[in-house]
Structures are given as structure tokens and as C-alpha cells.
C-alpha atoms as a PDB file:
ATOM      1  CA  LYS A   1     143.747  97.930  76.901  1.00  0.00           C
ATOM      2  CA  SER A   2     142.890  97.566  79.984  1.00  0.00           C
ATOM      3  CA  LYS A   3     145.211  97.224  82.742  1.00  0.00           C
ATOM      4  CA  LYS A   4     145.014  94.382  85.054  1.00  0.00           C
ATOM      5  CA  ARG A   5     144.599  95.833  88.696  1.00  0.00           C
ATOM      6  CA  LYS A   6     146.836  93.993  91.465  1.00  0.00           C
ATOM      7  CA  HIS A   7     145.632  92.466  94.513  1.00  0.00           C
ATOM      8  CA  PRO A   8     146.431  94.571  97.709  1.00  0.00           C
ATOM      9  CA  LYS A   9     150.098  93.030  99.229  1.00  0.00           C
ATOM     10  CA  HIS A  10     148.564  94.438 103.074  1.00  0.00           C
ATOM     11  CA  PRO A  11     145.319  92.799 104.556  1.00  0.00           C
ATOM     12  CA  PRO A  12     142.154  94.280 104.539  1.00  0.00           C
ATOM     13  CA  LYS A  13     141.081  96.787 106.276  1.00  0.00           C
ATOM     14  CA  THR A  14     138.834  95.790 109.039  1.00  0.00           C
ATOM     15  CA  TYR A  15     135.440  96.883 111.133  1.00  0.00           C
ATOM     16  CA  PRO A  16     133.751  96.606 113.590  1.00  0.00           C
ATOM     17  CA  ASP A  17     131.457  93.880 113.907  1.00  0.00           C
ATOM     18  CA  PHE A  18     127.673  94.931 114.185  1.00  0.00           C
ATOM     19  CA  SER A  19     124.077  93.466 113.941  1.00  0.00           C
ATOM     20  CA  PHE A  20     120.995  94.274 111.896  1.00  0.00           C
ATOM     21  CA  TYR A  21     117.523  92.767 111.418  1.00  0.00           C
ATOM     22  CA  VAL A  22     116.076  91.800 108.150  1.00  0.00           C
ATOM     23  CA  MET A  23     112.594  91.450 107.791  1.00  0.00           C
ATOM     24  CA  GLY A  24     109.800  91.236 104.753  1.00  0.00           C
ATOM     25  CA  ASP A  25     106.197  90.857 103.312  1.00  0.00           C
ATOM     26  CA  ILE A  26     105.401  91.616 106.915  1.00  0.00           C
ATOM     27  CA  PRO A  27     102.369  93.081 107.554  1.00  0.00           C
ATOM     28  CA  TYR A  28      99.395  91.677 104.817  1.00  0.00           C
ATOM     29  CA  ASN A  29      96.535  91.601 107.414  1.00  0.00           C
ATOM     30  CA  SER A  30      95.369  92.918 110.663  1.00  0.00           C
ATOM     31  CA  ASP A  31      96.483  90.123 112.238  1.00  0.00           C
ATOM     32  CA  GLU A  32     100.152  91.094 110.771  1.00  0.00           C
ATOM     33  CA  GLU A  33      99.749  94.184 111.745  1.00  0.00           C
ATOM     34  CA  LYS A  34      99.786  92.832 116.147  1.00  0.00           C
ATOM     35  CA  LEU A  35     102.815  90.741 114.938  1.00  0.00           C
ATOM     36  CA  LEU A  36     104.349  93.197 113.761  1.00  0.00           C
ATOM     37  CA  LYS A  37     103.933  94.775 116.080  1.00  0.00           C
ATOM     38  CA  ARG A  38     104.997  92.669 119.037  1.00  0.00           C
ATOM     39  CA  GLN A  39     108.157  92.039 116.675  1.00  0.00           C
ATOM     40  CA  LEU A  40     109.784  95.176 117.224  1.00  0.00           C
ATOM     41  CA  THR A  41     108.507  95.758 120.940  1.00  0.00           C
ATOM     42  CA  LYS A  42     110.436  92.743 121.722  1.00  0.00           C
ATOM     43  CA  ILE A  43     113.255  93.692 119.836  1.00  0.00           C
ATOM     44  CA  SER A  44     113.063  97.509 121.117  1.00  0.00           C
ATOM     45  CA  ASP A  45     112.966  96.456 124.366  1.00  0.00           C
ATOM     46  CA  ASP A  46     116.284  93.386 123.726  1.00  0.00           C
ATOM     47  CA  VAL A  47     117.443  96.345 122.431  1.00  0.00           C
ATOM     48  CA  GLU A  48     117.443  98.911 125.487  1.00  0.00           C
ATOM     49  CA  SER A  49     117.966  96.253 128.015  1.00  0.00           C
ATOM     50  CA  GLY A  50     121.383  95.649 126.210  1.00  0.00           C
ATOM     51  CA  ILE A  51     119.961  91.698 125.404  1.00  0.00           C
ATOM     52  CA  ASP A  52     120.669  92.716 121.830  1.00  0.00           C
ATOM     53  CA  ASP A  53     122.840  95.012 120.210  1.00  0.00           C
ATOM     54  CA  ALA A  54     121.125  95.723 116.869  1.00  0.00           C
ATOM     55  CA  ALA A  55     121.907  98.404 114.523  1.00  0.00           C
ATOM     56  CA  PHE A  56     118.935  98.625 112.439  1.00  0.00           C
ATOM     57  CA  ILE A  57     115.954  96.928 110.858  1.00  0.00           C
ATOM     58  CA  ALA A  58     116.263  96.124 106.918  1.00  0.00           C
ATOM     59  CA  HIS A  59     112.955  95.731 105.759  1.00  0.00           C
ATOM     60  CA  VAL A  60     112.930  94.375 102.417  1.00  0.00           C
ATOM     61  CA  GLY A  61     109.754  95.055 100.716  1.00  0.00           C
ATOM     62  CA  ASP A  62     106.262  93.984 100.274  1.00  0.00           C
ATOM     63  CA  LEU A  63     105.018  95.976 103.714  1.00  0.00           C
ATOM     64  CA  LEU A  64     101.319  95.609 102.181  1.00  0.00           C
ATOM     65  CA  ASP A  65      99.557  93.558 100.432  1.00  0.00           C
ATOM     66  CA  ASP A  66      98.164  94.988  97.501  1.00  0.00           C
ATOM     67  CA  SER A  67      95.422  92.635  96.299  1.00  0.00           C
ATOM     68  CA  THR A  68      93.185  92.806  99.235  1.00  0.00           C
ATOM     69  CA  THR A  69      94.390  97.082 100.321  1.00  0.00           C
ATOM     70  CA  LYS A  70      94.778  98.199  97.261  1.00  0.00           C
ATOM     71  CA  CYS A  71      97.665 100.687  98.204  1.00  0.00           C
ATOM     72  CA  LYS A  72      95.096 103.098 100.091  1.00  0.00           C
ATOM     73  CA  GLU A  73      97.341 105.672 101.510  1.00  0.00           C
ATOM     74  CA  ASP A  74      95.770 104.833 105.018  1.00  0.00           C
ATOM     75  CA  VAL A  75      97.805 101.486 104.833  1.00  0.00           C
ATOM     76  CA  TYR A  76     100.631 102.921 104.224  1.00  0.00           C
ATOM     77  CA  ASP A  77      99.851 105.239 107.279  1.00  0.00           C
ATOM     78  CA  ARG A  78      99.147 103.100 109.511  1.00  0.00           C
ATOM     79  CA  VAL A  79     101.834 100.972 109.453  1.00  0.00           C
ATOM     80  CA  SER A  80     104.289 103.523 109.043  1.00  0.00           C
ATOM     81  CA  ALA A  81     102.670 104.290 112.484  1.00  0.00           C
ATOM     82  CA  ILE A  82     103.336 100.864 113.175  1.00  0.00           C
ATOM     83  CA  MET A  83     107.281 101.084 112.762  1.00  0.00           C
ATOM     84  CA  LYS A  84     107.244 104.933 114.307  1.00  0.00           C
ATOM     85  CA  GLU A  85     105.828 104.329 118.004  1.00  0.00           C
ATOM     86  CA  ASN A  86     107.164 100.686 118.231  1.00  0.00           C
ATOM     87  CA  SER A  87     110.702 100.540 116.871  1.00  0.00           C
ATOM     88  CA  VAL A  88     113.563 102.114 119.501  1.00  0.00           C
ATOM     89  CA  LEU A  89     115.527 101.345 116.202  1.00  0.00           C
ATOM     90  CA  PRO A  90     116.559 103.109 112.371  1.00  0.00           C
ATOM     91  CA  ILE A  91     114.353 101.169 110.012  1.00  0.00           C
ATOM     92  CA  LEU A  92     115.077 100.829 106.585  1.00  0.00           C
ATOM     93  CA  PRO A  93     112.216 100.266 103.687  1.00  0.00           C
ATOM     94  CA  VAL A  94     113.387  98.200 100.804  1.00  0.00           C
ATOM     95  CA  PRO A  95     110.380  98.537  98.083  1.00  0.00           C
ATOM     96  CA  GLY A  96     108.262  95.428  96.968  1.00  0.00           C
ATOM     97  CA  ASN A  97     106.281  94.405  93.719  1.00  0.00           C
ATOM     98  CA  ASN A  98     103.495  94.871  96.139  1.00  0.00           C
ATOM     99  CA  ASP A  99     104.005  99.056  97.563  1.00  0.00           C
ATOM    100  CA  TRP A 100     104.008 100.202  94.555  1.00  0.00           C
ATOM    101  CA  ASP A 101     104.906  98.196  91.560  1.00  0.00           C
ATOM    102  CA  GLU A 102     101.480  95.917  91.017  1.00  0.00           C
ATOM    103  CA  CYS A 103      98.739  98.427  93.093  1.00  0.00           C
ATOM    104  CA  PRO A 104      96.331  99.735  90.593  1.00  0.00           C
ATOM    105  CA  ASN A 105      97.747 103.238  90.876  1.00  0.00           C
ATOM    106  CA  PRO A 106     101.677 102.375  90.638  1.00  0.00           C
ATOM    107  CA  GLU A 107     102.371 106.241  90.244  1.00  0.00           C
ATOM    108  CA  GLN A 108     100.188 106.714  93.605  1.00  0.00           C
ATOM    109  CA  ALA A 109     101.568 104.111  95.198  1.00  0.00           C
ATOM    110  CA  HIS A 110     104.966 104.965  94.824  1.00  0.00           C
ATOM    111  CA  GLU A 111     104.709 108.733  96.347  1.00  0.00           C
ATOM    112  CA  TYR A 112     102.436 107.474  99.144  1.00  0.00           C
ATOM    113  CA  PHE A 113     105.385 104.823  99.830  1.00  0.00           C
ATOM    114  CA  ASN A 114     107.932 108.050  99.954  1.00  0.00           C
ATOM    115  CA  LYS A 115     105.974 110.179 101.817  1.00  0.00           C
ATOM    116  CA  TYR A 116     105.694 107.156 104.988  1.00  0.00           C
ATOM    117  CA  TYR A 117     108.868 104.923 104.452  1.00  0.00           C
ATOM    118  CA  ILE A 118     110.964 107.295 103.234  1.00  0.00           C
ATOM    119  CA  PRO A 119     111.230 109.178 105.991  1.00  0.00           C
ATOM    120  CA  LEU A 120     111.342 106.203 108.393  1.00  0.00           C
ATOM    121  CA  GLU A 121     115.318 106.345 108.995  1.00  0.00           C
ATOM    122  CA  GLU A 122     114.643 110.389 110.260  1.00  0.00           C
ATOM    123  CA  GLN A 123     113.283 109.752 112.994  1.00  0.00           C
ATOM    124  CA  TRP A 124     116.106 107.806 114.671  1.00  0.00           C
ATOM    125  CA  ALA A 125     119.030 110.154 113.023  1.00  0.00           C
END
């Protein structure tokens, strides 16, 4: 017999407000790589000037287009470099289906994702 949980009688804890950015499905091509650079530079400029107080950027996946890039290592490396060089905020990537699942060699793509994107958060630690 399971015990029924009671709601606490005290008010819930409050936490300080914070903001963050969410992006996904970028960059799929060289034009979008340029767009990503501009977006990250704008965010970084706003954070550095005090206009924005975002804590981090969450990338919700699909950092490449598997159908055109064939998930080659240089694409992971290039996109990772764009993020490192253009953002003052930590970037926390979450894999999307294009990032390894639908790649010609999913195991290799998974290794590339881990090699180039997982360490991104460590740059700002």
C-alpha cells in the first residue's frame, strides 16, 4: 500500500530569476554558420554591455544537416569553433536526430558529438 503524499503547508521555495537563450536547427549550411556567428556576437555584446543578463545558451539539437554534411568530423569541429569563438556564455548542446542518429555512421557521429560539443560547457567553467 503506497503512502499518499501531502502537499507542504509552507510556501514553495523561491529562486532568483534568471534568463537564458534557446536555439536549435542551426547551422545547416555556410550562410547559417554566418548567421550563427552574428547571433552569438550580438548576444555576447549585449551580455558584456549589461543590456542582457542571460546565464547560458541551450542548443536543442540539429547542429548540422546530416543529409548534406554526411556528419563529417570537420563540420563538428567548425561549428564547435564558431560557438567557442563567438559566445561569452556557456553553450549547452542537446543532440538532435541530425547530430548522430540519422548519420551514415551513427556510432562515429556520436563520438564526434561528444568530442566537439560536450566539452563546450567546460570552456566557461
